[in-house]
Amino acid sequence: MAKEKTIFVCNDCGGTSAKWLGKCPACGAWNSLIESVAEPVASTRNNRFASLARTAEVATLGEIEASDFERTPTGQDELDRVLGGGIVEGGVVLIGGDPGIGKSTLLLQALDSLQRSGQKTLYVTGEESGAQVALRARRLGLDGSQVQVLAEIQLEKILHMLDAAKPDIAVIDSIQTVYSDQLTSAPGSVAQVRECAAHLTRAAKASGVAVVLVGHVTKEGALAGPRVLEHMVDTVLYFEGDTHSSFRLVRAIKNRFGAVNEIGVFAMTERGLKGVSNPSAIFLSQHSEPVPGSCVMVTLEGTRPMLVEIQALVDTGGPSPRRLSVGLDRDRLAMLLAVLHRHAGVNCMDQDVFVNAVGGVRISEPAADLAVMLAITSSLRGKALPKGFIAFGEVGLAGEVRPAPRGQERLKEAAKLGFSVAVVPKANLPKKNDKAFEGLTIHPVERIEDAMELVRGLG
């Protein structure tokens, strides 16, 4: 078979060039030429630009019979939660995370569990040899595992094996190591990653094989490679957490078959990753007595309410006070300090302010505002909040405390874990005589100054 000709296509105008140029000869755009493959117009077989899904006749939405996707549990409850219930036939999952955080470990455990339940599995490794994968399996206690392993990085051979072995689930570890003979660029380049992912996605949709792609991440923690890779797949998962901690979080950034921003919590043990059934416990520090600068909030991750401890440290600063946050938005911290000064009379202009979300969790929702502000005030005054205290709510620039979504579920989670005092937005006040909140005294507030006055009275 003759080798296909390499051309360069402009991302902006679609113009082509026989060689790479810094400037597109058609539209004049700089650095827009991407390596591609030229094919004869008459060639229709094995077309690399074929549709990713089977072609169907045009029909109205009312005529199409909608049915839920059948899911195959992976044997890892926390992973199934993030995936929306399990692996979907023909689905393509992209999972990324820092090196050594546990991506390959979790997937190898899931494949072994799937294989033991009767599923045909294939693990394609491009970064390790088969012997290294077998050694890791023994460390994880997966002796005698029947998971098929293929050490290969050439795309054409991987596709041939998928067609010959016909597995139900295949893992490609990692997509940055796979290359195609149709392109001359090195493995890991934008062209190779995009082309290989497109071929694997097409194969998954055509054959019904569920494919899991492992992706590298950049220094900033984002998935390496072209952004089109995230648009191409069905589900995007990120591994989060400190590599020095034993806890790991898997977050769904995109999921066509389930909830977005759902998280799974794992603990790294000698036998691999184990799911954590009560994740709130790992995000709460065990203080024998309340300490200044600590406030517990209830955050919502997907469909799961979790209790997280927010810690703040306010100390005398120099001429340029520092504002540092870990697990929270730094810009939002600066805004909250301004609101504290303007509406609650709490001045931190000459103080260093450090805020941390315990356990390595990242909180992006604004419902953490009230807890952050109460923790900062507690540290500044050196006075601890009452024992069994929680707070949540968004704070606006005008000083108003806005309601948090699904506030009833947050309060139920706090009551279940034995918390006794809650300061919440007035709009989140539950109905009276609800037994789910027994033992929990709820104080509604409308403005930040009301919350500060209430906390001073509770102390």
Protein backbone atom coordinates (compact mmCIF):
# COMPACT_ATOMS: atom_id res chain seq x y z
CA MET A 1 0.00 0.00 0.00
CA ALA A 2 1.46 3.33 -1.08
CA LYS A 3 2.18 5.83 1.62
CA GLU A 4 -0.18 8.79 1.56
CA LYS A 5 1.09 12.27 0.86
CA THR A 6 1.49 14.71 3.73
CA ILE A 7 0.09 18.22 3.31
CA PHE A 8 -0.48 21.18 5.63
CA VAL A 9 -3.98 22.63 6.10
CA CYS A 10 -4.77 26.07 7.50
CA ASN A 11 -7.01 26.01 10.57
CA ASP A 12 -8.45 29.43 9.69
CA CYS A 13 -9.30 29.30 5.98
CA GLY A 14 -8.77 25.65 5.01
CA GLY A 15 -6.05 26.50 2.51
CA THR A 16 -3.36 23.92 1.81
CA SER A 17 0.37 23.93 1.31
CA ALA A 18 2.80 21.20 0.22
CA LYS A 19 5.25 22.23 2.95
CA TRP A 20 5.03 23.85 6.33
CA LEU A 21 5.13 27.64 6.31
CA GLY A 22 4.98 30.11 9.15
CA LYS A 23 2.35 32.11 7.28
CA CYS A 24 -0.65 30.70 5.41
CA PRO A 25 -0.28 31.58 1.68
CA ALA A 26 -4.07 31.91 1.30
CA CYS A 27 -5.26 34.05 4.23
CA GLY A 28 -1.98 35.28 5.72
CA ALA A 29 -2.60 33.85 9.23
CA TRP A 30 0.52 33.02 11.22
CA ASN A 31 1.22 29.57 12.72
CA SER A 32 -2.10 28.17 11.47
CA LEU A 33 -0.86 25.31 9.24
CA ILE A 34 -1.49 21.84 10.71
CA GLU A 35 -0.01 18.64 9.32
CA SER A 36 -2.57 16.40 7.61
CA VAL A 37 -2.86 13.72 4.92
CA ALA A 38 -3.97 14.20 1.34
CA GLU A 39 -6.23 11.52 -0.16
CA PRO A 40 -7.63 11.10 -3.69
CA VAL A 41 -11.14 12.53 -4.06
CA ALA A 42 -12.39 9.26 -5.53
CA SER A 43 -11.21 7.24 -2.54
CA THR A 44 -14.16 6.40 -0.29
CA ARG A 45 -12.99 3.25 1.47
CA ASN A 46 -11.23 3.71 4.82
CA ASN A 47 -11.87 7.43 4.58
CA ARG A 48 -10.17 9.05 7.59
CA PHE A 49 -12.81 11.80 7.56
CA ALA A 50 -15.72 9.35 7.77
CA SER A 51 -18.52 10.14 10.22
CA LEU A 52 -17.89 9.24 13.85
CA ALA A 53 -21.44 7.90 14.13
CA ARG A 54 -23.51 5.65 11.86
CA THR A 55 -25.44 7.54 9.20
CA ALA A 56 -29.22 7.42 9.76
CA GLU A 57 -32.25 8.71 7.92
CA VAL A 58 -33.69 12.10 8.82
CA ALA A 59 -36.44 11.86 11.44
CA THR A 60 -38.26 14.19 13.79
CA LEU A 61 -37.57 14.14 17.52
CA GLY A 62 -41.09 12.81 18.14
CA GLU A 63 -40.45 9.83 15.87
CA ILE A 64 -37.16 8.85 17.48
CA GLU A 65 -37.52 6.32 20.27
CA ALA A 66 -35.49 7.54 23.24
CA SER A 67 -33.98 4.87 25.45
CA ASP A 68 -31.50 5.04 28.29
CA PHE A 69 -27.96 3.83 27.68
CA GLU A 70 -27.10 0.44 29.12
CA ARG A 71 -24.26 0.78 31.60
CA THR A 72 -21.70 -1.76 32.76
CA PRO A 73 -20.51 -1.23 36.37
CA THR A 74 -16.72 -1.12 36.71
CA GLY A 75 -16.64 -2.63 40.18
CA GLN A 76 -15.38 0.70 41.57
CA ASP A 77 -18.41 2.43 43.12
CA GLU A 78 -16.80 5.88 43.19
CA LEU A 79 -15.72 5.59 39.55
CA ASP A 80 -19.21 4.46 38.56
CA ARG A 81 -20.64 7.52 40.33
CA VAL A 82 -18.43 9.84 38.26
CA LEU A 83 -19.23 8.01 35.01
CA GLY A 84 -22.96 8.23 35.68
CA GLY A 85 -23.48 4.58 36.58
CA GLY A 86 -20.82 2.73 34.62
CA ILE A 87 -19.22 2.26 31.21
CA VAL A 88 -21.43 2.88 28.16
CA GLU A 89 -21.10 0.74 25.04
CA GLY A 90 -19.20 2.67 22.38
CA GLY A 91 -18.42 5.50 24.81
CA VAL A 92 -15.05 7.25 24.78
CA VAL A 93 -13.63 8.46 28.10
CA LEU A 94 -10.61 10.76 28.48
CA ILE A 95 -8.94 10.73 31.91
CA GLY A 96 -6.06 13.01 32.88
CA GLY A 97 -4.02 13.82 35.96
CA ASP A 98 -0.54 14.47 37.33
CA PRO A 99 2.11 11.76 36.87
CA GLY A 100 1.96 9.12 39.59
CA ILE A 101 -1.43 10.19 40.93
CA GLY A 102 -3.03 6.80 40.20
CA LYS A 103 -4.60 6.85 36.72
CA SER A 104 -3.09 3.57 35.52
CA THR A 105 -3.65 1.94 38.92
CA LEU A 106 -7.36 2.77 38.98
CA LEU A 107 -7.92 1.67 35.38
CA LEU A 108 -6.07 -1.61 35.89
CA GLN A 109 -8.20 -2.34 38.95
CA ALA A 110 -11.38 -1.50 37.00
CA LEU A 111 -10.35 -3.70 34.05
CA ASP A 112 -9.65 -6.64 36.35
CA SER A 113 -13.05 -6.25 38.03
CA LEU A 114 -14.77 -6.01 34.62
CA GLN A 115 -12.91 -9.08 33.37
CA ARG A 116 -13.94 -11.09 36.44
CA SER A 117 -17.58 -10.11 35.80
CA GLY A 118 -17.45 -11.60 32.29
CA GLN A 119 -16.40 -8.60 30.20
CA LYS A 120 -13.63 -8.93 27.62
CA THR A 121 -10.94 -6.32 28.35
CA LEU A 122 -7.78 -5.03 26.70
CA TYR A 123 -5.08 -2.85 28.24
CA VAL A 124 -2.87 -1.12 25.64
CA THR A 125 0.27 0.28 27.24
CA GLY A 126 2.57 2.65 25.42
CA GLU A 127 4.64 3.82 28.38
CA GLU A 128 5.42 0.50 30.06
CA SER A 129 6.27 -3.02 29.01
CA GLY A 130 3.97 -5.95 29.65
CA ALA A 131 6.28 -7.10 32.44
CA GLN A 132 5.97 -3.75 34.22
CA VAL A 133 2.18 -3.88 34.01
CA ALA A 134 2.22 -7.44 35.39
CA LEU A 135 4.47 -6.33 38.25
CA ARG A 136 2.05 -3.55 39.17
CA ALA A 137 -0.85 -6.00 39.04
CA ARG A 138 0.91 -8.24 41.56
CA ARG A 139 1.52 -5.27 43.87
CA LEU A 140 -2.21 -4.54 43.69
CA GLY A 141 -3.08 -8.12 44.59
CA LEU A 142 -4.45 -8.94 41.13
CA ASP A 143 -2.68 -12.28 40.90
CA GLY A 144 -3.90 -14.49 38.07
CA SER A 145 -5.69 -11.62 36.33
CA GLN A 146 -6.88 -12.50 32.81
CA VAL A 147 -6.83 -8.92 31.50
CA GLN A 148 -5.27 -8.91 28.02
CA VAL A 149 -2.23 -6.62 27.70
CA LEU A 150 -0.77 -5.18 24.49
CA ALA A 151 2.45 -3.15 24.54
CA GLU A 152 2.12 -1.11 21.34
CA ILE A 153 2.19 2.54 20.23
CA GLN A 154 1.44 2.27 16.48
CA LEU A 155 -2.17 3.25 15.81
CA GLU A 156 -2.71 0.89 12.88
CA LYS A 157 -1.63 -2.15 14.92
CA ILE A 158 -3.84 -1.07 17.85
CA LEU A 159 -6.86 -0.71 15.56
CA HIS A 160 -6.15 -4.13 14.04
CA MET A 161 -6.01 -5.68 17.52
CA LEU A 162 -9.29 -4.00 18.50
CA ASP A 163 -10.90 -5.45 15.39
CA ALA A 164 -9.40 -8.91 15.94
CA ALA A 165 -9.80 -9.29 19.72
CA LYS A 166 -13.17 -7.47 19.85
CA PRO A 167 -12.94 -6.43 23.53
CA ASP A 168 -15.84 -4.84 25.38
CA ILE A 169 -13.59 -2.26 27.09
CA ALA A 170 -10.16 -1.07 25.97
CA VAL A 171 -7.76 1.28 27.76
CA ILE A 172 -5.15 3.27 25.81
CA ASP A 173 -2.36 4.36 28.18
CA SER A 174 -1.57 6.94 26.99
CA ILE A 175 -2.86 8.77 23.91
CA GLN A 176 0.30 10.92 23.79
CA THR A 177 2.45 7.86 23.05
CA VAL A 178 0.37 6.62 20.10
CA TYR A 179 1.39 7.58 16.57
CA SER A 180 0.11 6.96 13.05
CA ASP A 181 2.24 6.09 10.04
CA GLN A 182 0.13 8.50 7.99
CA LEU A 183 1.81 11.47 9.69
CA THR A 184 5.50 12.26 9.88
CA SER A 185 5.38 14.24 13.14
CA ALA A 186 6.56 12.76 16.43
CA PRO A 187 4.24 11.02 18.93
CA GLY A 188 2.64 13.52 21.29
CA SER A 189 2.45 16.31 18.73
CA VAL A 190 -0.87 18.08 18.17
CA ALA A 191 -1.40 16.44 14.79
CA GLN A 192 -0.65 12.92 16.07
CA VAL A 193 -2.81 13.22 19.19
CA ARG A 194 -5.76 14.63 17.25
CA GLU A 195 -5.51 12.09 14.42
CA CYS A 196 -5.06 9.06 16.69
CA ALA A 197 -7.90 10.09 18.99
CA ALA A 198 -10.21 10.61 15.98
CA HIS A 199 -9.44 7.12 14.64
CA LEU A 200 -9.95 5.48 18.04
CA THR A 201 -13.20 7.37 18.58
CA ARG A 202 -14.45 6.32 15.16
CA ALA A 203 -13.54 2.69 15.91
CA ALA A 204 -15.37 2.84 19.24
CA LYS A 205 -18.55 4.23 17.71
CA ALA A 206 -18.50 1.74 14.82
CA SER A 207 -17.75 -1.41 16.83
CA GLY A 208 -19.37 -0.59 20.20
CA VAL A 209 -16.08 -0.96 22.10
CA ALA A 210 -15.84 1.33 25.12
CA VAL A 211 -12.48 3.13 24.92
CA VAL A 212 -10.70 4.88 27.79
CA LEU A 213 -7.90 7.28 26.79
CA VAL A 214 -5.30 8.33 29.35
CA GLY A 215 -4.00 11.86 28.72
CA HIS A 216 -1.01 13.77 30.04
CA VAL A 217 -1.46 17.15 31.70
CA THR A 218 0.43 20.41 31.46
CA LYS A 219 2.19 22.18 34.33
CA GLU A 220 -1.02 24.11 34.97
CA GLY A 221 -2.95 20.84 35.37
CA ALA A 222 -4.94 21.03 32.10
CA LEU A 223 -5.03 18.16 29.65
CA ALA A 224 -2.12 18.35 27.21
CA GLY A 225 -2.73 18.30 23.48
CA PRO A 226 -5.37 20.03 21.32
CA ARG A 227 -8.56 21.22 22.99
CA VAL A 228 -10.50 19.47 20.24
CA LEU A 229 -9.65 16.22 22.03
CA GLU A 230 -12.01 17.12 24.86
CA HIS A 231 -14.79 17.97 22.40
CA MET A 232 -14.31 14.70 20.54
CA VAL A 233 -14.80 12.31 23.48
CA ASP A 234 -17.96 11.62 25.48
CA THR A 235 -16.57 11.98 29.00
CA VAL A 236 -13.63 13.92 30.45
CA LEU A 237 -12.36 13.00 33.92
CA TYR A 238 -9.65 14.78 35.93
CA PHE A 239 -7.64 13.31 38.78
CA GLU A 240 -7.22 15.88 41.54
CA GLY A 241 -5.51 15.94 44.91
CA ASP A 242 -2.09 16.33 46.42
CA THR A 243 0.33 13.56 45.44
CA HIS A 244 1.71 13.76 48.99
CA SER A 245 -1.72 12.91 50.40
CA SER A 246 -3.31 9.48 50.36
CA PHE A 247 -6.63 10.83 49.06
CA ARG A 248 -7.53 11.31 45.40
CA LEU A 249 -10.51 12.96 43.72
CA VAL A 250 -11.82 12.10 40.26
CA ARG A 251 -13.98 14.87 38.82
CA ALA A 252 -16.19 14.73 35.71
CA ILE A 253 -15.63 17.89 33.65
CA LYS A 254 -17.75 16.67 30.75
CA ASN A 255 -20.16 13.75 30.60
CA ARG A 256 -22.69 13.08 27.87
CA PHE A 257 -24.11 10.18 29.87
CA GLY A 258 -24.23 11.61 33.39
CA ALA A 259 -23.91 14.60 35.69
CA VAL A 260 -21.11 17.13 35.22
CA ASN A 261 -18.87 18.07 38.18
CA GLU A 262 -19.68 14.77 39.91
CA ILE A 263 -16.73 13.59 41.97
CA GLY A 264 -15.45 10.27 43.25
CA VAL A 265 -13.21 10.06 46.32
CA PHE A 266 -10.49 7.44 46.65
CA ALA A 267 -7.84 6.54 49.21
CA MET A 268 -4.48 5.25 48.01
CA THR A 269 -3.49 2.09 49.86
CA GLU A 270 -0.88 -0.63 49.43
CA ARG A 271 -3.47 -2.55 47.40
CA GLY A 272 -4.35 0.33 45.11
CA LEU A 273 -7.18 2.86 45.19
CA LYS A 274 -10.17 2.20 47.42
CA GLY A 275 -13.41 4.18 47.32
CA VAL A 276 -14.28 6.38 50.30
CA SER A 277 -17.91 5.96 51.30
CA ASN A 278 -18.01 9.00 53.62
CA PRO A 279 -15.85 11.67 51.95
CA SER A 280 -16.90 14.43 54.35
CA ALA A 281 -14.74 12.84 57.04
CA ILE A 282 -11.49 13.42 55.12
CA PHE A 283 -12.17 17.13 54.59
CA LEU A 284 -12.75 17.87 58.28
CA SER A 285 -9.80 18.32 60.61
CA GLN A 286 -10.11 16.58 63.95
CA HIS A 287 -9.89 19.43 66.48
CA SER A 288 -10.43 18.46 70.10
CA GLU A 289 -11.78 21.97 70.69
CA PRO A 290 -12.86 24.75 68.27
CA VAL A 291 -9.94 26.86 67.03
CA PRO A 292 -9.91 30.41 65.61
CA GLY A 293 -9.91 30.67 61.83
CA SER A 294 -11.84 27.47 61.14
CA CYS A 295 -15.33 27.26 59.63
CA VAL A 296 -17.08 24.22 58.14
CA MET A 297 -19.23 24.61 55.02
CA VAL A 298 -21.38 22.25 52.96
CA THR A 299 -20.36 22.24 49.32
CA LEU A 300 -22.17 20.52 46.48
CA GLU A 301 -20.12 18.41 44.07
CA GLY A 302 -22.43 17.11 41.34
CA THR A 303 -25.22 15.36 43.23
CA ARG A 304 -23.23 14.85 46.44
CA PRO A 305 -23.24 17.30 49.38
CA MET A 306 -19.93 17.27 51.28
CA LEU A 307 -18.70 19.00 54.40
CA VAL A 308 -15.39 20.80 53.94
CA GLU A 309 -13.42 22.75 56.52
CA ILE A 310 -12.30 26.23 55.46
CA GLN A 311 -9.26 27.48 57.36
CA ALA A 312 -8.09 31.10 57.40
CA LEU A 313 -4.98 32.71 58.89
CA VAL A 314 -4.81 36.50 59.27
CA ASP A 315 -1.47 37.90 60.36
CA THR A 316 0.28 41.27 60.39
CA GLY A 317 1.57 42.04 56.91
CA GLY A 318 4.14 44.40 55.45
CA PRO A 319 3.68 47.29 53.07
CA SER A 320 2.22 44.87 50.47
CA PRO A 321 -0.09 42.42 52.28
CA ARG A 322 -0.35 38.97 50.72
CA ARG A 323 -3.57 37.28 49.61
CA LEU A 324 -3.14 33.54 49.15
CA SER A 325 -5.80 30.86 48.72
CA VAL A 326 -5.46 27.11 48.20
CA GLY A 327 -8.47 25.32 46.74
CA LEU A 328 -10.41 28.60 46.35
CA ASP A 329 -10.43 31.42 43.79
CA ARG A 330 -7.84 34.05 44.72
CA ASP A 331 -9.65 36.86 42.90
CA ARG A 332 -12.85 36.07 44.74
CA LEU A 333 -10.94 36.20 48.04
CA ALA A 334 -9.90 39.78 47.28
CA MET A 335 -13.51 40.67 46.52
CA LEU A 336 -14.76 39.14 49.78
CA LEU A 337 -12.19 41.10 51.78
CA ALA A 338 -13.47 44.31 50.19
CA VAL A 339 -17.07 43.38 51.06
CA LEU A 340 -16.02 42.60 54.64
CA HIS A 341 -14.45 46.03 55.00
CA ARG A 342 -17.26 47.99 53.38
CA HIS A 343 -20.34 46.28 54.85
CA ALA A 344 -19.17 44.54 58.04
CA GLY A 345 -16.45 46.93 59.22
CA VAL A 346 -13.77 44.21 59.27
CA ASN A 347 -10.51 45.76 58.05
CA CYS A 348 -7.77 43.47 56.68
CA MET A 349 -6.00 46.05 54.50
CA ASP A 350 -2.73 45.79 56.46
CA GLN A 351 -2.97 42.04 57.13
CA ASP A 352 -1.70 38.95 55.31
CA VAL A 353 -4.67 36.66 54.58
CA PHE A 354 -4.23 32.95 53.86
CA VAL A 355 -7.21 30.70 53.11
CA ASN A 356 -7.15 26.93 52.63
CA ALA A 357 -9.72 24.23 51.84
CA VAL A 358 -8.70 21.18 53.91
CA GLY A 359 -8.00 17.88 52.16
CA GLY A 360 -6.86 19.22 48.80
CA VAL A 361 -10.41 19.72 47.52
CA ARG A 362 -11.08 22.57 45.08
CA ILE A 363 -14.21 24.64 45.66
CA SER A 364 -15.41 26.72 42.73
CA GLU A 365 -19.00 27.47 43.77
CA PRO A 366 -19.80 30.87 45.36
CA ALA A 367 -21.68 29.16 48.22
CA ALA A 368 -18.35 29.11 50.07
CA ASP A 369 -18.36 32.93 50.44
CA LEU A 370 -20.04 33.09 53.84
CA ALA A 371 -17.82 30.39 55.38
CA VAL A 372 -14.66 32.08 54.06
CA MET A 373 -15.66 35.45 55.50
CA LEU A 374 -16.56 33.97 58.89
CA ALA A 375 -13.26 32.06 59.03
CA ILE A 376 -11.29 35.23 58.22
CA THR A 377 -13.13 37.22 60.89
CA SER A 378 -12.61 34.43 63.42
CA SER A 379 -8.86 34.38 62.79
CA LEU A 380 -8.56 38.18 62.87
CA ARG A 381 -10.30 38.43 66.23
CA GLY A 382 -8.66 35.28 67.62
CA LYS A 383 -12.04 33.89 68.65
CA ALA A 384 -13.24 30.44 67.59
CA LEU A 385 -16.68 29.77 66.14
CA PRO A 386 -19.06 27.64 68.25
CA LYS A 387 -18.63 23.87 68.29
CA GLY A 388 -20.69 22.04 65.66
CA PHE A 389 -21.01 25.20 63.54
CA ILE A 390 -21.53 25.26 59.76
CA ALA A 391 -22.28 28.03 57.27
CA PHE A 392 -22.87 28.40 53.54
CA GLY A 393 -24.18 31.07 51.19
CA GLU A 394 -23.11 33.40 48.40
CA VAL A 395 -22.28 37.00 49.33
CA GLY A 396 -22.83 39.80 46.80
CA LEU A 397 -20.97 43.08 46.41
CA ALA A 398 -23.84 44.89 48.10
CA GLY A 399 -23.41 42.72 51.20
CA GLU A 400 -26.50 40.58 50.64
CA VAL A 401 -26.38 36.83 51.41
CA ARG A 402 -27.84 34.96 48.47
CA PRO A 403 -29.29 31.42 48.60
CA ALA A 404 -27.27 28.37 47.60
CA PRO A 405 -28.78 25.75 45.31
CA ARG A 406 -30.22 22.63 46.97
CA GLY A 407 -29.84 24.09 50.43
CA GLN A 408 -32.15 21.48 51.99
CA GLU A 409 -29.79 18.65 50.99
CA ARG A 410 -26.81 20.53 52.41
CA LEU A 411 -28.54 20.97 55.76
CA LYS A 412 -29.61 17.31 55.86
CA GLU A 413 -25.99 16.24 55.34
CA ALA A 414 -24.86 18.52 58.19
CA ALA A 415 -27.59 17.23 60.52
CA LYS A 416 -26.70 13.62 59.64
CA LEU A 417 -23.08 14.21 60.68
CA GLY A 418 -24.07 15.71 64.05
CA PHE A 419 -23.66 19.48 63.48
CA SER A 420 -25.82 21.58 65.77
CA VAL A 421 -25.64 25.23 64.56
CA ALA A 422 -26.07 26.51 61.01
CA VAL A 423 -25.99 30.02 59.56
CA VAL A 424 -27.60 30.00 56.13
CA PRO A 425 -29.28 32.41 53.69
CA LYS A 426 -32.86 33.21 54.63
CA ALA A 427 -34.11 31.75 51.32
CA ASN A 428 -32.61 28.36 52.29
CA LEU A 429 -34.58 28.17 55.56
CA PRO A 430 -36.37 24.78 55.53
CA LYS A 431 -39.98 24.18 56.41
CA LYS A 432 -40.84 23.81 60.07
CA ASN A 433 -41.33 20.44 61.77
CA ASP A 434 -39.04 18.60 59.37
CA LYS A 435 -37.55 15.66 61.29
CA ALA A 436 -34.55 15.52 58.95
CA PHE A 437 -33.14 18.60 60.72
CA GLU A 438 -33.61 17.47 64.32
CA GLY A 439 -30.76 18.62 66.54
CA LEU A 440 -29.73 21.36 64.09
CA THR A 441 -30.48 24.98 65.05
CA ILE A 442 -30.74 27.03 61.85
CA HIS A 443 -30.18 30.81 61.85
CA PRO A 444 -31.25 32.57 58.62
CA VAL A 445 -29.49 35.80 57.57
CA GLU A 446 -30.07 38.30 54.77
CA ARG A 447 -26.91 40.41 54.95
CA ILE A 448 -23.27 39.84 55.88
CA GLU A 449 -23.40 42.29 58.79
CA ASP A 450 -26.34 40.29 60.22
CA ALA A 451 -24.23 37.11 60.00
CA MET A 452 -21.31 38.79 61.80
CA GLU A 453 -23.57 40.11 64.58
CA LEU A 454 -25.22 36.70 64.95
CA VAL A 455 -21.88 34.89 65.24
CA ARG A 456 -20.68 37.37 67.89
CA GLY A 457 -23.85 36.62 69.87
CA LEU A 458 -23.39 32.85 69.54
CA GLY A 459 -19.84 33.09 70.83
